[in-house]
Protein backbone atom coordinates (compact mmCIF):
# COMPACT_ATOMS: atom_id res chain seq x y z
CA MET A 1 -52.14 72.34 98.41
CA THR A 2 -53.90 75.15 96.57
CA SER A 3 -54.21 75.85 92.86
CA ASN A 4 -53.95 79.36 91.46
CA SER A 5 -55.81 80.61 88.42
CA PHE A 6 -53.95 80.55 85.11
CA MET A 7 -55.19 84.09 84.44
CA PRO A 8 -52.58 86.77 85.26
CA THR A 9 -53.68 89.57 87.57
CA THR A 10 -52.08 92.46 85.65
CA ASP A 11 -53.06 93.91 82.29
CA GLY A 12 -49.55 93.30 81.01
CA GLY A 13 -49.73 89.67 82.05
CA LYS A 14 -53.12 89.27 80.39
CA ALA A 15 -51.76 90.79 77.18
CA ASN A 16 -48.80 88.38 77.25
CA LEU A 17 -51.15 85.43 77.72
CA LEU A 18 -53.36 86.58 74.84
CA ASP A 19 -50.32 86.97 72.57
CA HIS A 20 -48.99 83.55 73.54
CA ALA A 21 -52.32 81.79 73.12
CA ALA A 22 -52.95 83.49 69.78
CA THR A 23 -49.64 82.25 68.38
CA THR A 24 -49.66 78.80 70.03
CA LEU A 25 -53.27 77.64 69.69
CA PRO A 26 -53.11 77.23 65.89
CA HIS A 27 -50.70 74.31 66.45
CA TYR A 28 -53.42 72.50 68.42
CA ALA A 29 -56.46 73.75 66.53
CA ALA A 30 -57.02 70.51 64.65
CA ILE A 31 -56.69 68.14 67.61
CA LEU A 32 -58.90 70.34 69.81
CA GLU A 33 -61.32 71.10 66.97
CA VAL A 34 -60.94 74.86 67.32
CA THR A 35 -62.88 76.73 64.65
CA ASN A 36 -61.36 79.34 62.37
CA GLU A 37 -63.79 81.84 63.88
CA ASP A 38 -62.43 81.19 67.37
CA LEU A 39 -58.83 81.50 66.18
CA THR A 40 -59.56 84.71 64.32
CA SER A 41 -61.39 86.15 67.32
CA LEU A 42 -58.52 85.25 69.69
CA GLN A 43 -55.91 86.79 67.41
CA ALA A 44 -57.99 89.96 66.96
CA ASP A 45 -58.48 90.23 70.72
CA ALA A 46 -54.73 89.86 71.31
CA LEU A 47 -53.93 92.60 68.79
CA ALA A 48 -56.59 94.96 70.14
CA PHE A 49 -55.63 94.53 73.79
CA ARG A 50 -51.91 94.96 73.11
CA TYR A 51 -52.68 98.06 71.03
CA ILE A 52 -54.83 99.71 73.69
CA LEU A 53 -52.19 99.05 76.37
CA LYS A 54 -49.47 100.57 74.18
CA SER A 55 -51.62 103.61 73.37
CA LEU A 56 -52.57 104.08 77.01
CA GLY A 57 -48.94 103.88 78.09
CA ASP A 58 -47.93 106.53 75.53
CA ILE A 59 -50.71 108.85 76.63
CA GLN A 60 -49.95 108.37 80.31
CA ALA A 61 -46.27 109.14 79.67
CA TYR A 62 -47.30 112.28 77.78
CA ALA A 63 -49.59 113.33 80.63
CA HIS A 64 -46.69 112.90 83.07
CA HIS A 65 -44.37 115.08 80.97
CA LEU A 66 -47.11 117.65 80.39
CA THR A 67 -47.69 117.88 84.15
CA GLU A 68 -43.98 118.48 84.71
CA TYR A 69 -44.02 121.22 82.03
CA LYS A 70 -47.08 122.81 83.61
CA ASN A 71 -45.29 122.94 86.96
CA ILE A 72 -42.23 124.55 85.37
CA LEU A 73 -44.36 127.14 83.60
CA ARG A 74 -46.11 127.90 86.88
CA ASP A 75 -43.14 127.92 89.25
CA GLY A 76 -40.16 128.69 87.02
CA SER A 77 -36.95 126.82 86.20
CA THR A 78 -33.44 127.47 84.92
CA ALA A 79 -33.99 124.85 82.21
CA THR A 80 -34.92 125.86 78.69
CA ILE A 81 -37.87 123.78 77.55
CA GLY A 82 -40.53 123.79 74.88
CA TRP A 83 -43.96 122.37 74.45
CA THR A 84 -44.18 118.61 74.67
CA VAL A 85 -45.52 116.94 71.54
CA PRO A 86 -48.64 114.80 71.98
CA PRO A 87 -48.17 111.16 70.95
CA MET A 88 -49.65 109.90 67.71
CA LEU A 89 -51.62 106.67 67.76
CA VAL A 90 -49.53 103.89 66.27
CA GLU A 91 -50.47 102.82 62.75
CA PRO A 92 -51.93 100.62 61.52
CA MET A 93 -54.76 100.55 64.02
CA PRO A 94 -56.08 97.01 64.50
CA PRO A 95 -59.74 96.20 63.82
CA ALA A 96 -62.14 96.99 66.64
CA VAL A 97 -63.40 94.05 68.70
CA ASN A 98 -66.37 93.60 70.98
CA SER A 99 -65.93 94.27 74.69
CA GLY A 100 -65.19 91.33 76.98
CA ILE A 101 -61.79 90.15 75.74
CA ILE A 102 -60.82 88.38 78.97
CA PRO A 103 -64.24 86.73 79.52
CA ARG A 104 -63.99 85.43 75.93
CA LEU A 105 -60.53 84.04 76.63
CA SER A 106 -61.73 82.35 79.83
CA THR A 107 -64.68 80.81 77.97
CA LEU A 108 -62.41 79.56 75.19
CA VAL A 109 -59.96 78.04 77.67
CA ALA A 110 -62.79 76.28 79.53
CA HIS A 111 -64.02 74.87 76.19
CA LEU A 112 -60.53 73.64 75.30
CA LYS A 113 -60.07 71.95 78.68
CA SER A 114 -63.37 70.12 78.28
CA HIS A 115 -62.34 68.61 74.92
CA LYS A 116 -61.64 64.89 74.90
CA ASN A 117 -58.22 65.41 73.33
CA TYR A 118 -57.05 68.05 75.78
CA THR A 119 -54.03 67.10 77.91
CA SER A 120 -52.00 68.80 80.61
CA ALA A 121 -49.09 69.02 78.17
CA ILE A 122 -51.26 71.04 75.79
CA GLY A 123 -52.40 73.23 78.68
CA LEU A 124 -48.79 73.91 79.66
CA ALA A 125 -47.89 74.72 76.07
CA LEU A 126 -50.77 77.18 75.88
CA GLY A 127 -49.96 78.68 79.28
CA VAL A 128 -53.43 77.99 80.67
CA ILE A 129 -52.53 75.83 83.68
CA GLY A 130 -52.27 77.68 86.96
CA THR A 131 -49.48 77.21 89.44
CA THR A 132 -49.84 74.96 92.46
CA THR A 133 -48.85 76.12 95.93
CA VAL A 134 -47.95 73.51 98.54
CA GLU A 135 -49.14 74.56 102.00
CA ASP A 136 -46.84 73.74 104.93
CA PRO A 137 -49.00 73.52 108.08
CA SER A 138 -45.90 73.63 110.26
CA THR A 139 -45.50 77.32 109.36
CA TRP A 140 -49.08 78.34 110.19
CA LYS A 141 -49.35 80.93 112.95
CA PRO A 142 -52.60 82.66 113.90
CA ILE A 143 -52.75 86.43 114.14
CA LEU A 144 -55.21 87.52 116.82
CA SER A 145 -57.07 90.80 117.15
CA ALA A 146 -59.64 92.07 119.64
CA GLN A 147 -63.00 93.83 119.45
CA ASN A 148 -65.53 94.62 122.15
CA LYS A 149 -69.17 93.57 122.40
CA ALA A 150 -71.04 94.76 125.51
CA GLY A 151 -67.75 94.73 127.39
CA HIS A 152 -66.85 91.18 126.34
CA PRO A 153 -63.80 90.53 124.15
CA ILE A 154 -64.32 89.18 120.65
CA ILE A 155 -61.14 87.49 119.50
CA GLY A 156 -60.65 87.99 115.78
CA TRP A 157 -58.75 85.53 113.61
CA THR A 158 -58.68 84.18 110.07
CA LYS A 159 -59.19 80.53 109.19
CA GLY A 160 -57.04 80.08 106.10
CA ALA A 161 -56.59 76.41 105.18
CA ALA A 162 -56.93 75.22 108.78
CA ALA A 163 -59.91 73.21 109.99
CA ALA A 164 -60.27 75.09 113.27
CA ILE A 165 -58.49 77.15 115.90
CA GLU A 166 -57.79 76.34 119.55
CA ILE A 167 -57.80 79.32 121.92
CA TRP A 168 -56.41 79.53 125.46
CA VAL A 169 -56.85 82.35 127.96
CA ASP A 170 -55.03 83.70 131.01
CA ARG A 171 -57.42 85.78 133.16
CA GLY A 172 -54.70 87.19 135.40
CA ASP A 173 -55.82 85.15 138.42
CA GLY A 174 -52.52 83.33 138.85
CA ALA A 175 -53.76 80.15 137.19
CA GLY A 176 -51.91 80.83 133.94
CA PHE A 177 -53.26 79.85 130.55
CA SER A 178 -56.18 77.45 130.36
CA PHE A 179 -58.21 76.05 127.48
CA LEU A 180 -61.02 78.33 126.28
CA THR A 181 -62.54 76.82 123.15
CA ILE A 182 -62.11 75.28 119.73
CA ASN A 183 -63.87 77.15 116.94
CA THR A 184 -64.30 76.20 113.32
CA GLU A 185 -65.46 79.63 112.12
CA PRO A 186 -64.15 83.11 113.01
CA ASN A 187 -64.53 84.95 115.31
CA THR A 188 -64.63 83.94 119.00
CA ASN A 189 -66.77 85.70 121.62
CA ASP A 190 -65.51 85.25 125.19
CA THR A 191 -68.70 85.19 127.29
CA GLN A 192 -66.96 84.69 130.64
CA PRO A 193 -68.55 87.01 133.29
CA LEU A 194 -66.58 90.23 133.52
CA PRO A 195 -64.59 91.05 136.66
CA ALA A 196 -65.81 93.76 138.98
CA THR A 197 -62.60 95.74 138.52
CA SER A 198 -60.36 96.33 135.56
CA ALA A 199 -58.23 93.36 134.58
CA ILE A 200 -56.08 92.19 131.69
CA TRP A 201 -57.00 88.92 129.97
CA LYS A 202 -54.42 87.35 127.71
CA TYR A 203 -55.16 85.07 124.76
CA LYS A 204 -53.11 82.76 122.60
CA ALA A 205 -54.18 80.35 119.88
CA ILE A 206 -52.96 77.61 117.60
CA TYR A 207 -54.48 76.17 114.44
CA ARG A 208 -55.90 72.67 114.21
CA LEU A 209 -55.96 70.24 111.29
CA HIS A 210 -57.28 66.67 111.34
CA ASP A 211 -58.15 67.10 115.05
CA GLU A 212 -54.57 67.95 116.00
CA GLN A 213 -52.65 71.12 116.78
CA VAL A 214 -50.52 72.31 113.85
CA GLY A 215 -48.08 75.13 113.30
CA GLN A 216 -47.01 77.68 115.88
CA TRP A 217 -48.74 79.40 118.76
CA SER A 218 -49.84 82.95 118.07
CA ASP A 219 -48.31 85.90 119.81
CA VAL A 220 -50.07 86.63 123.10
CA LEU A 221 -52.88 89.16 122.81
CA SER A 222 -53.65 91.29 125.88
CA VAL A 223 -57.16 92.74 126.33
CA THR A 224 -58.34 95.07 129.09
CA VAL A 225 -61.76 94.12 130.50
CA GLY A 226 -63.98 95.20 133.33
CA VAL A 227 -63.95 98.93 132.70
């Protein structure tokens, strides 16, 4: 089970969170002992960030249309067009704020969560509780890759939430797959002496958790050695 940050990854998502927090936090200001200064700062930050996103979107749209017009002027078109009108900044312009809107929001949220009266219900209401992802080990499947170090294969893999990986190898000698190693950290260097002539070694792997195999075997990876 993994927890994801409450903070959205997109600017639009961040603006939505700021708007929501700015309108919702006043309802919990008394119980969480939020100062008027903090509320005013949050509301100003929300206004400023929403304003700059709107202004940027208008300007980017204008730049797109202006580029299209430039291309028509340069290359010709049957359409009759005129100059595009630059956008005007929306009025009224909100008060300027100091840089660092999102760090300020993160600091405020951390302060709220440390308050003795904070509850998960309040966090949900404010939108500052991240989602929880439940990992299903039965679906885990390693993806193997190969590099070369002094002629020896290095089997690349990622660890993810697993404790380790178990790797087996088939050296093309008719013996089939046999156990190679268990590693807890990527990647795996196969130090077996190289054959005198070119050969194909095949590798497969499966993740381990709590000292047991979990999930599915990887696809077989074939590596040419001995050249």
